[in-house]
Amino acid sequence: MDDLRVPIGTFFAIVGVILIAMSGAHSPLTEAPVNLYAGLSMLVFGAVMLWLAYRGSRTGVPGSK
């Protein structure tokens, strides 16, 4: 069984990069760069998930044979 953290991390990293790229488009509703903040947090979360999946694949899953 594959690790579920890989597709979760990939999805959040891709969406985070898209939001960061779209943060240049100025929204007339707010002064704060909401897309940038959301994109950065999603990118960090995706990177953490991918790092945990990589670390888990190197150490093995506890209890598996």
PDB file of N, CA and C in Angstrom:
ATOM      1  N   MET A   1       0.851  -1.184   0.000  1.00  0.00           N
ATOM      2  CA  MET A   1       0.000   0.000   0.000  1.00  0.00           C
ATOM      3  C   MET A   1       0.892   1.241   0.000  1.00  0.00           C
ATOM      4  N   ASP A   2       0.564   2.175  -0.864  1.00  0.00           N
ATOM      5  CA  ASP A   2       1.345   3.401  -0.966  1.00  0.00           C
ATOM      6  C   ASP A   2       1.011   4.351   0.163  1.00  0.00           C
ATOM      7  N   ASP A   3       1.943   5.253   0.396  1.00  0.00           N
ATOM      8  CA  ASP A   3       1.778   6.232   1.463  1.00  0.00           C
ATOM      9  C   ASP A   3       0.841   7.340   0.991  1.00  0.00           C
ATOM     10  N   LEU A   4      -0.167   7.648   1.779  1.00  0.00           N
ATOM     11  CA  LEU A   4      -1.164   8.658   1.420  1.00  0.00           C
ATOM     12  C   LEU A   4      -0.593  10.069   1.486  1.00  0.00           C
ATOM     13  N   ARG A   5       0.530  10.242   2.174  1.00  0.00           N
ATOM     14  CA  ARG A   5       1.126  11.572   2.293  1.00  0.00           C
ATOM     15  C   ARG A   5       1.685  12.086   0.977  1.00  0.00           C
ATOM     16  N   VAL A   6       2.025  11.203   0.057  1.00  0.00           N
ATOM     17  CA  VAL A   6       2.587  11.636  -1.229  1.00  0.00           C
ATOM     18  C   VAL A   6       1.554  12.389  -2.069  1.00  0.00           C
ATOM     19  N   PRO A   7       0.367  11.830  -2.346  1.00  0.00           N
ATOM     20  CA  PRO A   7      -0.591  12.612  -3.135  1.00  0.00           C
ATOM     21  C   PRO A   7      -1.113  13.847  -2.400  1.00  0.00           C
ATOM     22  N   ILE A   8      -1.237  13.763  -1.074  1.00  0.00           N
ATOM     23  CA  ILE A   8      -1.683  14.937  -0.316  1.00  0.00           C
ATOM     24  C   ILE A   8      -0.648  16.041  -0.424  1.00  0.00           C
ATOM     25  N   GLY A   9       0.609  15.704  -0.215  1.00  0.00           N
ATOM     26  CA  GLY A   9       1.677  16.694  -0.309  1.00  0.00           C
ATOM     27  C   GLY A   9       1.818  17.270  -1.699  1.00  0.00           C
ATOM     28  N   THR A  10       1.697  16.427  -2.709  1.00  0.00           N
ATOM     29  CA  THR A  10       1.789  16.897  -4.093  1.00  0.00           C
ATOM     30  C   THR A  10       0.649  17.851  -4.419  1.00  0.00           C
ATOM     31  N   PHE A  11      -0.560  17.495  -4.014  1.00  0.00           N
ATOM     32  CA  PHE A  11      -1.720  18.354  -4.285  1.00  0.00           C
ATOM     33  C   PHE A  11      -1.557  19.722  -3.638  1.00  0.00           C
ATOM     34  N   PHE A  12      -1.225  19.742  -2.343  1.00  0.00           N
ATOM     35  CA  PHE A  12      -1.102  21.017  -1.655  1.00  0.00           C
ATOM     36  C   PHE A  12       0.068  21.845  -2.193  1.00  0.00           C
ATOM     37  N   ALA A  13       1.154  21.201  -2.577  1.00  0.00           N
ATOM     38  CA  ALA A  13       2.287  21.930  -3.134  1.00  0.00           C
ATOM     39  C   ALA A  13       1.915  22.570  -4.480  1.00  0.00           C
ATOM     40  N   ILE A  14       1.207  21.829  -5.329  1.00  0.00           N
ATOM     41  CA  ILE A  14       0.811  22.361  -6.640  1.00  0.00           C
ATOM     42  C   ILE A  14      -0.173  23.519  -6.476  1.00  0.00           C
ATOM     43  N   VAL A  15      -1.177  23.344  -5.625  1.00  0.00           N
ATOM     44  CA  VAL A  15      -2.154  24.411  -5.407  1.00  0.00           C
ATOM     45  C   VAL A  15      -1.479  25.627  -4.772  1.00  0.00           C
ATOM     46  N   GLY A  16      -0.522  25.393  -3.876  1.00  0.00           N
ATOM     47  CA  GLY A  16       0.215  26.495  -3.267  1.00  0.00           C
ATOM     48  C   GLY A  16       1.010  27.287  -4.285  1.00  0.00           C
ATOM     49  N   VAL A  17       1.659  26.594  -5.209  1.00  0.00           N
ATOM     50  CA  VAL A  17       2.422  27.287  -6.260  1.00  0.00           C
ATOM     51  C   VAL A  17       1.483  28.083  -7.160  1.00  0.00           C
ATOM     52  N   ILE A  18       0.327  27.521  -7.488  1.00  0.00           N
ATOM     53  CA  ILE A  18      -0.642  28.239  -8.321  1.00  0.00           C
ATOM     54  C   ILE A  18      -1.128  29.499  -7.610  1.00  0.00           C
ATOM     55  N   LEU A  19      -1.438  29.391  -6.314  1.00  0.00           N
ATOM     56  CA  LEU A  19      -1.899  30.564  -5.574  1.00  0.00           C
ATOM     57  C   LEU A  19      -0.806  31.623  -5.455  1.00  0.00           C
ATOM     58  N   ILE A  20       0.433  31.198  -5.268  1.00  0.00           N
ATOM     59  CA  ILE A  20       1.533  32.156  -5.210  1.00  0.00           C
ATOM     60  C   ILE A  20       1.690  32.866  -6.553  1.00  0.00           C
ATOM     61  N   ALA A  21       1.556  32.113  -7.638  1.00  0.00           N
ATOM     62  CA  ALA A  21       1.660  32.720  -8.970  1.00  0.00           C
ATOM     63  C   ALA A  21       0.512  33.688  -9.226  1.00  0.00           C
ATOM     64  N   MET A  22      -0.673  33.362  -8.714  1.00  0.00           N
ATOM     65  CA  MET A  22      -1.831  34.223  -8.926  1.00  0.00           C
ATOM     66  C   MET A  22      -1.886  35.398  -7.949  1.00  0.00           C
ATOM     67  N   SER A  23      -0.995  35.445  -6.985  1.00  0.00           N
ATOM     68  CA  SER A  23      -1.036  36.528  -6.007  1.00  0.00           C
ATOM     69  C   SER A  23      -0.655  37.870  -6.630  1.00  0.00           C
ATOM     70  N   GLY A  24      -0.058  37.836  -7.818  1.00  0.00           N
ATOM     71  CA  GLY A  24       0.269  39.084  -8.503  1.00  0.00           C
ATOM     72  C   GLY A  24      -0.962  39.807  -9.016  1.00  0.00           C
ATOM     73  N   ALA A  25      -2.041  39.072  -9.270  1.00  0.00           N
ATOM     74  CA  ALA A  25      -3.288  39.696  -9.718  1.00  0.00           C
ATOM     75  C   ALA A  25      -3.927  40.403  -8.521  1.00  0.00           C
ATOM     76  N   HIS A  26      -4.101  41.680  -8.628  1.00  0.00           N
ATOM     77  CA  HIS A  26      -4.591  42.468  -7.501  1.00  0.00           C
ATOM     78  C   HIS A  26      -6.100  42.305  -7.351  1.00  0.00           C
ATOM     79  N   SER A  27      -6.520  41.960  -6.148  1.00  0.00           N
ATOM     80  CA  SER A  27      -7.941  41.806  -5.853  1.00  0.00           C
ATOM     81  C   SER A  27      -8.492  43.122  -5.321  1.00  0.00           C
ATOM     82  N   PRO A  28      -9.588  43.599  -5.876  1.00  0.00           N
ATOM     83  CA  PRO A  28     -10.131  44.872  -5.404  1.00  0.00           C
ATOM     84  C   PRO A  28     -10.860  44.769  -4.057  1.00  0.00           C
ATOM     85  N   LEU A  29     -11.072  43.557  -3.552  1.00  0.00           N
ATOM     86  CA  LEU A  29     -11.845  43.386  -2.330  1.00  0.00           C
ATOM     87  C   LEU A  29     -11.024  43.576  -1.061  1.00  0.00           C
ATOM     88  N   THR A  30      -9.724  43.378  -1.135  1.00  0.00           N
ATOM     89  CA  THR A  30      -8.901  43.451   0.069  1.00  0.00           C
ATOM     90  C   THR A  30      -7.533  44.047  -0.246  1.00  0.00           C
ATOM     91  N   GLU A  31      -6.936  44.623   0.765  1.00  0.00           N
ATOM     92  CA  GLU A  31      -5.588  45.182   0.612  1.00  0.00           C
ATOM     93  C   GLU A  31      -4.514  44.139   0.903  1.00  0.00           C
ATOM     94  N   ALA A  32      -4.865  43.130   1.691  1.00  0.00           N
ATOM     95  CA  ALA A  32      -3.896  42.101   2.072  1.00  0.00           C
ATOM     96  C   ALA A  32      -3.722  41.087   0.937  1.00  0.00           C
ATOM     97  N   PRO A  33      -2.503  40.617   0.722  1.00  0.00           N
ATOM     98  CA  PRO A  33      -2.264  39.594  -0.318  1.00  0.00           C
ATOM     99  C   PRO A  33      -2.673  38.197   0.173  1.00  0.00           C
ATOM    100  N   VAL A  34      -3.968  37.942   0.177  1.00  0.00           N
ATOM    101  CA  VAL A  34      -4.511  36.701   0.731  1.00  0.00           C
ATOM    102  C   VAL A  34      -4.029  35.489  -0.061  1.00  0.00           C
ATOM    103  N   ASN A  35      -3.967  35.594  -1.376  1.00  0.00           N
ATOM    104  CA  ASN A  35      -3.502  34.469  -2.192  1.00  0.00           C
ATOM    105  C   ASN A  35      -2.058  34.118  -1.862  1.00  0.00           C
ATOM    106  N   LEU A  36      -1.245  35.111  -1.598  1.00  0.00           N
ATOM    107  CA  LEU A  36       0.152  34.859  -1.259  1.00  0.00           C
ATOM    108  C   LEU A  36       0.258  34.129   0.076  1.00  0.00           C
ATOM    109  N   TYR A  37      -0.465  34.599   1.081  1.00  0.00           N
ATOM    110  CA  TYR A  37      -0.423  33.963   2.393  1.00  0.00           C
ATOM    111  C   TYR A  37      -0.966  32.535   2.342  1.00  0.00           C
ATOM    112  N   ALA A  38      -2.084  32.348   1.674  1.00  0.00           N
ATOM    113  CA  ALA A  38      -2.666  31.008   1.561  1.00  0.00           C
ATOM    114  C   ALA A  38      -1.755  30.092   0.745  1.00  0.00           C
ATOM    115  N   GLY A  39      -1.171  30.612  -0.323  1.00  0.00           N
ATOM    116  CA  GLY A  39      -0.275  29.813  -1.152  1.00  0.00           C
ATOM    117  C   GLY A  39       0.979  29.399  -0.410  1.00  0.00           C
ATOM    118  N   LEU A  40       1.543  30.312   0.361  1.00  0.00           N
ATOM    119  CA  LEU A  40       2.737  29.974   1.135  1.00  0.00           C
ATOM    120  C   LEU A  40       2.439  28.920   2.194  1.00  0.00           C
ATOM    121  N   SER A  41       1.307  29.068   2.866  1.00  0.00           N
ATOM    122  CA  SER A  41       0.973  28.078   3.895  1.00  0.00           C
ATOM    123  C   SER A  41       0.681  26.718   3.267  1.00  0.00           C
ATOM    124  N   MET A  42       0.021  26.683   2.122  1.00  0.00           N
ATOM    125  CA  MET A  42      -0.255  25.409   1.456  1.00  0.00           C
ATOM    126  C   MET A  42       1.032  24.779   0.927  1.00  0.00           C
ATOM    127  N   LEU A  43       1.935  25.603   0.423  1.00  0.00           N
ATOM    128  CA  LEU A  43       3.205  25.088  -0.071  1.00  0.00           C
ATOM    129  C   LEU A  43       4.034  24.504   1.071  1.00  0.00           C
ATOM    130  N   VAL A  44       4.051  25.162   2.205  1.00  0.00           N
ATOM    131  CA  VAL A  44       4.779  24.647   3.368  1.00  0.00           C
ATOM    132  C   VAL A  44       4.154  23.343   3.857  1.00  0.00           C
ATOM    133  N   PHE A  45       2.820  23.293   3.924  1.00  0.00           N
ATOM    134  CA  PHE A  45       2.144  22.069   4.349  1.00  0.00           C
ATOM    135  C   PHE A  45       2.441  20.918   3.386  1.00  0.00           C
ATOM    136  N   GLY A  46       2.400  21.194   2.072  1.00  0.00           N
ATOM    137  CA  GLY A  46       2.705  20.161   1.087  1.00  0.00           C
ATOM    138  C   GLY A  46       4.141  19.677   1.199  1.00  0.00           C
ATOM    139  N   ALA A  47       5.063  20.599   1.440  1.00  0.00           N
ATOM    140  CA  ALA A  47       6.466  20.211   1.592  1.00  0.00           C
ATOM    141  C   ALA A  47       6.670  19.357   2.839  1.00  0.00           C
ATOM    142  N   VAL A  48       5.981  19.686   3.924  1.00  0.00           N
ATOM    143  CA  VAL A  48       6.088  18.889   5.145  1.00  0.00           C
ATOM    144  C   VAL A  48       5.526  17.486   4.910  1.00  0.00           C
ATOM    145  N   MET A  49       4.396  17.383   4.216  1.00  0.00           N
ATOM    146  CA  MET A  49       3.823  16.068   3.924  1.00  0.00           C
ATOM    147  C   MET A  49       4.771  15.226   3.067  1.00  0.00           C
ATOM    148  N   LEU A  50       5.373  15.852   2.051  1.00  0.00           N
ATOM    149  CA  LEU A  50       6.311  15.118   1.198  1.00  0.00           C
ATOM    150  C   LEU A  50       7.562  14.711   1.967  1.00  0.00           C
ATOM    151  N   TRP A  51       8.023  15.586   2.859  1.00  0.00           N
ATOM    152  CA  TRP A  51       9.193  15.251   3.670  1.00  0.00           C
ATOM    153  C   TRP A  51       8.879  14.086   4.617  1.00  0.00           C
ATOM    154  N   LEU A  52       7.692  14.112   5.220  1.00  0.00           N
ATOM    155  CA  LEU A  52       7.297  13.015   6.106  1.00  0.00           C
ATOM    156  C   LEU A  52       7.159  11.699   5.340  1.00  0.00           C
ATOM    157  N   ALA A  53       6.645  11.762   4.117  1.00  0.00           N
ATOM    158  CA  ALA A  53       6.530  10.552   3.299  1.00  0.00           C
ATOM    159  C   ALA A  53       7.907  10.017   2.938  1.00  0.00           C
ATOM    160  N   TYR A  54       8.827  10.918   2.611  1.00  0.00           N
ATOM    161  CA  TYR A  54      10.191  10.500   2.279  1.00  0.00           C
ATOM    162  C   TYR A  54      10.868   9.888   3.502  1.00  0.00           C
ATOM    163  N   ARG A  55      10.694  10.530   4.650  1.00  0.00           N
ATOM    164  CA  ARG A  55      11.299  10.023   5.875  1.00  0.00           C
ATOM    165  C   ARG A  55      10.684   8.681   6.271  1.00  0.00           C
ATOM    166  N   GLY A  56       9.384   8.536   6.067  1.00  0.00           N
ATOM    167  CA  GLY A  56       8.720   7.277   6.389  1.00  0.00           C
ATOM    168  C   GLY A  56       9.140   6.148   5.477  1.00  0.00           C
ATOM    169  N   SER A  57       9.421   6.463   4.215  1.00  0.00           N
ATOM    170  CA  SER A  57       9.836   5.415   3.294  1.00  0.00           C
ATOM    171  C   SER A  57      11.256   4.946   3.596  1.00  0.00           C
ATOM    172  N   ARG A  58      12.076   5.813   4.172  1.00  0.00           N
ATOM    173  CA  ARG A  58      13.442   5.435   4.495  1.00  0.00           C
ATOM    174  C   ARG A  58      13.505   4.610   5.779  1.00  0.00           C
ATOM    175  N   THR A  59      12.662   4.916   6.744  1.00  0.00           N
ATOM    176  CA  THR A  59      12.719   4.211   8.024  1.00  0.00           C
ATOM    177  C   THR A  59      11.786   3.007   8.062  1.00  0.00           C
ATOM    178  N   GLY A  60      10.816   2.965   7.180  1.00  0.00           N
ATOM    179  CA  GLY A  60       9.862   1.867   7.175  1.00  0.00           C
ATOM    180  C   GLY A  60       8.693   2.163   8.093  1.00  0.00           C
ATOM    181  N   VAL A  61       7.616   1.492   7.844  1.00  0.00           N
ATOM    182  CA  VAL A  61       6.410   1.680   8.652  1.00  0.00           C
ATOM    183  C   VAL A  61       6.503   0.777   9.875  1.00  0.00           C
ATOM    184  N   PRO A  62       6.319   1.320  11.070  1.00  0.00           N
ATOM    185  CA  PRO A  62       6.378   0.468  12.265  1.00  0.00           C
ATOM    186  C   PRO A  62       5.270  -0.583  12.251  1.00  0.00           C
ATOM    187  N   GLY A  63       5.635  -1.792  12.584  1.00  0.00           N
ATOM    188  CA  GLY A  63       4.657  -2.866  12.657  1.00  0.00           C
ATOM    189  C   GLY A  63       4.480  -3.646  11.368  1.00  0.00           C
ATOM    190  N   SER A  64       5.099  -3.173  10.265  1.00  0.00           N
ATOM    191  CA  SER A  64       4.974  -3.911   9.007  1.00  0.00           C
ATOM    192  C   SER A  64       6.140  -4.883   8.863  1.00  0.00           C
ATOM    193  N   LYS A  65       5.911  -5.937   8.066  1.00  0.00           N
ATOM    194  CA  LYS A  65       6.971  -6.934   7.877  1.00  0.00           C
ATOM    195  C   LYS A  65       7.469  -6.919   6.472  1.00  0.00           C
TER     196      LYS A  65
END
